Amino acid sequence: MFKNESRDILALRGEALDLLGVAWRYNNRNELSVARRAAVELLDLYVGPKH
């Protein structure tokens, strides 16, 4: 989950995830998430697992 009040910041985050091929979606107006198993595993390759 990534939360931010700035739509510009959320859009940048979404664009970066798109470039990496990571599936994501908006949960609400100020939050996006990466939740599918394959997407989380791919994101972990780039930034490491969340602890």
PDB file of N, CA and C in Angstrom:
ATOM      1  N   MET A   1       0.837  -1.168   0.000  1.00  0.00           N
ATOM      2  CA  MET A   1       0.000   0.000   0.000  1.00  0.00           C
ATOM      3  C   MET A   1       0.889   1.241   0.000  1.00  0.00           C
ATOM      4  N   PHE A   2       0.456   2.217  -0.734  1.00  0.00           N
ATOM      5  CA  PHE A   2       1.151   3.496  -0.787  1.00  0.00           C
ATOM      6  C   PHE A   2       0.089   4.572  -0.699  1.00  0.00           C
ATOM      7  N   LYS A   3       0.210   5.424   0.285  1.00  0.00           N
ATOM      8  CA  LYS A   3      -0.794   6.456   0.526  1.00  0.00           C
ATOM      9  C   LYS A   3      -0.148   7.829   0.427  1.00  0.00           C
ATOM     10  N   ASN A   4      -0.835   8.737  -0.280  1.00  0.00           N
ATOM     11  CA  ASN A   4      -0.352  10.099  -0.402  1.00  0.00           C
ATOM     12  C   ASN A   4      -1.519  10.973  -0.825  1.00  0.00           C
ATOM     13  N   GLU A   5      -1.590  12.179  -0.326  1.00  0.00           N
ATOM     14  CA  GLU A   5      -2.677  13.098  -0.682  1.00  0.00           C
ATOM     15  C   GLU A   5      -2.471  13.740  -2.046  1.00  0.00           C
ATOM     16  N   SER A   6      -1.258  13.721  -2.555  1.00  0.00           N
ATOM     17  CA  SER A   6      -0.949  14.332  -3.845  1.00  0.00           C
ATOM     18  C   SER A   6      -1.259  13.362  -4.985  1.00  0.00           C
ATOM     19  N   ARG A   7      -2.168  13.762  -5.864  1.00  0.00           N
ATOM     20  CA  ARG A   7      -2.491  12.935  -7.034  1.00  0.00           C
ATOM     21  C   ARG A   7      -1.276  12.833  -7.955  1.00  0.00           C
ATOM     22  N   ASP A   8      -0.458  13.871  -8.004  1.00  0.00           N
ATOM     23  CA  ASP A   8       0.747  13.841  -8.841  1.00  0.00           C
ATOM     24  C   ASP A   8       1.728  12.773  -8.353  1.00  0.00           C
ATOM     25  N   ILE A   9       1.914  12.699  -7.047  1.00  0.00           N
ATOM     26  CA  ILE A   9       2.826  11.698  -6.477  1.00  0.00           C
ATOM     27  C   ILE A   9       2.287  10.298  -6.739  1.00  0.00           C
ATOM     28  N   LEU A  10       0.992  10.103  -6.552  1.00  0.00           N
ATOM     29  CA  LEU A  10       0.394   8.792  -6.821  1.00  0.00           C
ATOM     30  C   LEU A  10       0.541   8.419  -8.295  1.00  0.00           C
ATOM     31  N   ALA A  11       0.362   9.396  -9.182  1.00  0.00           N
ATOM     32  CA  ALA A  11       0.507   9.131 -10.610  1.00  0.00           C
ATOM     33  C   ALA A  11       1.941   8.737 -10.945  1.00  0.00           C
ATOM     34  N   LEU A  12       2.923   9.418 -10.347  1.00  0.00           N
ATOM     35  CA  LEU A  12       4.324   9.060 -10.571  1.00  0.00           C
ATOM     36  C   LEU A  12       4.619   7.648 -10.088  1.00  0.00           C
ATOM     37  N   ARG A  13       4.070   7.324  -8.943  1.00  0.00           N
ATOM     38  CA  ARG A  13       4.259   5.972  -8.391  1.00  0.00           C
ATOM     39  C   ARG A  13       3.649   4.930  -9.321  1.00  0.00           C
ATOM     40  N   GLY A  14       2.454   5.211  -9.810  1.00  0.00           N
ATOM     41  CA  GLY A  14       1.800   4.296 -10.739  1.00  0.00           C
ATOM     42  C   GLY A  14       2.579   4.134 -12.029  1.00  0.00           C
ATOM     43  N   GLU A  15       3.107   5.228 -12.558  1.00  0.00           N
ATOM     44  CA  GLU A  15       3.910   5.166 -13.780  1.00  0.00           C
ATOM     45  C   GLU A  15       5.176   4.338 -13.563  1.00  0.00           C
ATOM     46  N   ALA A  16       5.815   4.510 -12.420  1.00  0.00           N
ATOM     47  CA  ALA A  16       7.026   3.740 -12.116  1.00  0.00           C
ATOM     48  C   ALA A  16       6.698   2.246 -12.024  1.00  0.00           C
ATOM     49  N   LEU A  17       5.601   1.917 -11.379  1.00  0.00           N
ATOM     50  CA  LEU A  17       5.195   0.513 -11.278  1.00  0.00           C
ATOM     51  C   LEU A  17       4.875  -0.054 -12.657  1.00  0.00           C
ATOM     52  N   ASP A  18       4.231   0.750 -13.503  1.00  0.00           N
ATOM     53  CA  ASP A  18       3.955   0.313 -14.872  1.00  0.00           C
ATOM     54  C   ASP A  18       5.239   0.011 -15.627  1.00  0.00           C
ATOM     55  N   LEU A  19       6.240   0.873 -15.480  1.00  0.00           N
ATOM     56  CA  LEU A  19       7.518   0.657 -16.160  1.00  0.00           C
ATOM     57  C   LEU A  19       8.189  -0.636 -15.706  1.00  0.00           C
ATOM     58  N   LEU A  20       7.991  -0.995 -14.445  1.00  0.00           N
ATOM     59  CA  LEU A  20       8.565  -2.233 -13.909  1.00  0.00           C
ATOM     60  C   LEU A  20       7.715  -3.451 -14.237  1.00  0.00           C
ATOM     61  N   GLY A  21       6.512  -3.224 -14.743  1.00  0.00           N
ATOM     62  CA  GLY A  21       5.607  -4.334 -15.056  1.00  0.00           C
ATOM     63  C   GLY A  21       4.884  -4.876 -13.839  1.00  0.00           C
ATOM     64  N   VAL A  22       4.778  -4.065 -12.794  1.00  0.00           N
ATOM     65  CA  VAL A  22       4.129  -4.470 -11.548  1.00  0.00           C
ATOM     66  C   VAL A  22       2.647  -4.058 -11.592  1.00  0.00           C
ATOM     67  N   ALA A  23       1.760  -5.029 -11.418  1.00  0.00           N
ATOM     68  CA  ALA A  23       0.323  -4.750 -11.409  1.00  0.00           C
ATOM     69  C   ALA A  23      -0.053  -4.024 -10.118  1.00  0.00           C
ATOM     70  N   TRP A  24      -0.872  -2.982 -10.250  1.00  0.00           N
ATOM     71  CA  TRP A  24      -1.295  -2.202  -9.091  1.00  0.00           C
ATOM     72  C   TRP A  24      -2.693  -1.679  -9.357  1.00  0.00           C
ATOM     73  N   ARG A  25      -3.332  -1.139  -8.324  1.00  0.00           N
ATOM     74  CA  ARG A  25      -4.650  -0.525  -8.480  1.00  0.00           C
ATOM     75  C   ARG A  25      -4.863   0.510  -7.394  1.00  0.00           C
ATOM     76  N   TYR A  26      -5.798   1.430  -7.663  1.00  0.00           N
ATOM     77  CA  TYR A  26      -6.193   2.407  -6.651  1.00  0.00           C
ATOM     78  C   TYR A  26      -7.178   1.753  -5.695  1.00  0.00           C
ATOM     79  N   ASN A  27      -6.959   1.925  -4.401  1.00  0.00           N
ATOM     80  CA  ASN A  27      -7.926   1.489  -3.391  1.00  0.00           C
ATOM     81  C   ASN A  27      -8.968   2.563  -3.158  1.00  0.00           C
ATOM     82  N   ASN A  28      -8.518   3.802  -3.152  1.00  0.00           N
ATOM     83  CA  ASN A  28      -9.396   4.961  -3.042  1.00  0.00           C
ATOM     84  C   ASN A  28      -8.652   6.153  -3.613  1.00  0.00           C
ATOM     85  N   ARG A  29      -9.133   7.349  -3.404  1.00  0.00           N
ATOM     86  CA  ARG A  29      -8.570   8.520  -4.072  1.00  0.00           C
ATOM     87  C   ARG A  29      -7.121   8.819  -3.698  1.00  0.00           C
ATOM     88  N   ASN A  30      -6.668   8.341  -2.553  1.00  0.00           N
ATOM     89  CA  ASN A  30      -5.314   8.685  -2.115  1.00  0.00           C
ATOM     90  C   ASN A  30      -4.461   7.470  -1.747  1.00  0.00           C
ATOM     91  N   GLU A  31      -4.811   6.308  -2.289  1.00  0.00           N
ATOM     92  CA  GLU A  31      -4.068   5.101  -1.926  1.00  0.00           C
ATOM     93  C   GLU A  31      -4.035   4.117  -3.096  1.00  0.00           C
ATOM     94  N   LEU A  32      -2.838   3.592  -3.373  1.00  0.00           N
ATOM     95  CA  LEU A  32      -2.744   2.520  -4.349  1.00  0.00           C
ATOM     96  C   LEU A  32      -2.092   1.317  -3.690  1.00  0.00           C
ATOM     97  N   SER A  33      -2.351   0.153  -4.270  1.00  0.00           N
ATOM     98  CA  SER A  33      -1.812  -1.062  -3.665  1.00  0.00           C
ATOM     99  C   SER A  33      -1.257  -2.008  -4.716  1.00  0.00           C
ATOM    100  N   VAL A  34      -0.320  -2.807  -4.266  1.00  0.00           N
ATOM    101  CA  VAL A  34       0.226  -3.928  -5.011  1.00  0.00           C
ATOM    102  C   VAL A  34      -0.110  -5.134  -4.155  1.00  0.00           C
ATOM    103  N   ALA A  35      -1.039  -5.980  -4.637  1.00  0.00           N
ATOM    104  CA  ALA A  35      -1.530  -7.038  -3.765  1.00  0.00           C
ATOM    105  C   ALA A  35      -1.471  -8.436  -4.376  1.00  0.00           C
ATOM    106  N   ARG A  36      -1.454  -8.531  -5.679  1.00  0.00           N
ATOM    107  CA  ARG A  36      -1.410  -9.864  -6.286  1.00  0.00           C
ATOM    108  C   ARG A  36      -0.051 -10.491  -6.035  1.00  0.00           C
ATOM    109  N   ARG A  37      -0.068 -11.787  -5.774  1.00  0.00           N
ATOM    110  CA  ARG A  37       1.156 -12.499  -5.390  1.00  0.00           C
ATOM    111  C   ARG A  37       2.292 -12.265  -6.384  1.00  0.00           C
ATOM    112  N   ALA A  38       2.030 -12.422  -7.664  1.00  0.00           N
ATOM    113  CA  ALA A  38       3.084 -12.253  -8.673  1.00  0.00           C
ATOM    114  C   ALA A  38       3.608 -10.819  -8.691  1.00  0.00           C
ATOM    115  N   ALA A  39       2.729  -9.846  -8.505  1.00  0.00           N
ATOM    116  CA  ALA A  39       3.138  -8.438  -8.499  1.00  0.00           C
ATOM    117  C   ALA A  39       4.001  -8.136  -7.280  1.00  0.00           C
ATOM    118  N   VAL A  40       3.627  -8.685  -6.134  1.00  0.00           N
ATOM    119  CA  VAL A  40       4.408  -8.476  -4.908  1.00  0.00           C
ATOM    120  C   VAL A  40       5.788  -9.115  -5.057  1.00  0.00           C
ATOM    121  N   GLU A  41       5.839 -10.311  -5.611  1.00  0.00           N
ATOM    122  CA  GLU A  41       7.124 -10.976  -5.804  1.00  0.00           C
ATOM    123  C   GLU A  41       8.023 -10.177  -6.748  1.00  0.00           C
ATOM    124  N   LEU A  42       7.434  -9.632  -7.816  1.00  0.00           N
ATOM    125  CA  LEU A  42       8.208  -8.816  -8.750  1.00  0.00           C
ATOM    126  C   LEU A  42       8.708  -7.540  -8.080  1.00  0.00           C
ATOM    127  N   LEU A  43       7.860  -6.882  -7.319  1.00  0.00           N
ATOM    128  CA  LEU A  43       8.263  -5.668  -6.612  1.00  0.00           C
ATOM    129  C   LEU A  43       9.362  -5.974  -5.597  1.00  0.00           C
ATOM    130  N   ASP A  44       9.269  -7.115  -4.939  1.00  0.00           N
ATOM    131  CA  ASP A  44      10.303  -7.517  -3.984  1.00  0.00           C
ATOM    132  C   ASP A  44      11.675  -7.657  -4.646  1.00  0.00           C
ATOM    133  N   LEU A  45      11.701  -8.032  -5.918  1.00  0.00           N
ATOM    134  CA  LEU A  45      12.979  -8.140  -6.639  1.00  0.00           C
ATOM    135  C   LEU A  45      13.656  -6.788  -6.762  1.00  0.00           C
ATOM    136  N   TYR A  46      12.855  -5.725  -6.869  1.00  0.00           N
ATOM    137  CA  TYR A  46      13.399  -4.364  -7.046  1.00  0.00           C
ATOM    138  C   TYR A  46      13.691  -3.655  -5.727  1.00  0.00           C
ATOM    139  N   VAL A  47      12.831  -3.813  -4.733  1.00  0.00           N
ATOM    140  CA  VAL A  47      12.985  -3.033  -3.500  1.00  0.00           C
ATOM    141  C   VAL A  47      13.186  -3.892  -2.260  1.00  0.00           C
ATOM    142  N   GLY A  48      13.066  -5.186  -2.384  1.00  0.00           N
ATOM    143  CA  GLY A  48      13.209  -6.059  -1.226  1.00  0.00           C
ATOM    144  C   GLY A  48      11.901  -6.239  -0.501  1.00  0.00           C
ATOM    145  N   PRO A  49      11.787  -7.304   0.277  1.00  0.00           N
ATOM    146  CA  PRO A  49      10.538  -7.576   0.984  1.00  0.00           C
ATOM    147  C   PRO A  49      10.284  -6.584   2.112  1.00  0.00           C
ATOM    148  N   LYS A  50       9.016  -6.389   2.399  1.00  0.00           N
ATOM    149  CA  LYS A  50       8.613  -5.523   3.515  1.00  0.00           C
ATOM    150  C   LYS A  50       8.656  -6.343   4.797  1.00  0.00           C
ATOM    151  N   HIS A  51       9.225  -5.770   5.837  1.00  0.00           N
ATOM    152  CA  HIS A  51       9.316  -6.485   7.117  1.00  0.00           C
ATOM    153  C   HIS A  51       8.462  -5.811   8.144  1.00  0.00           C
TER     154      HIS A  51
END
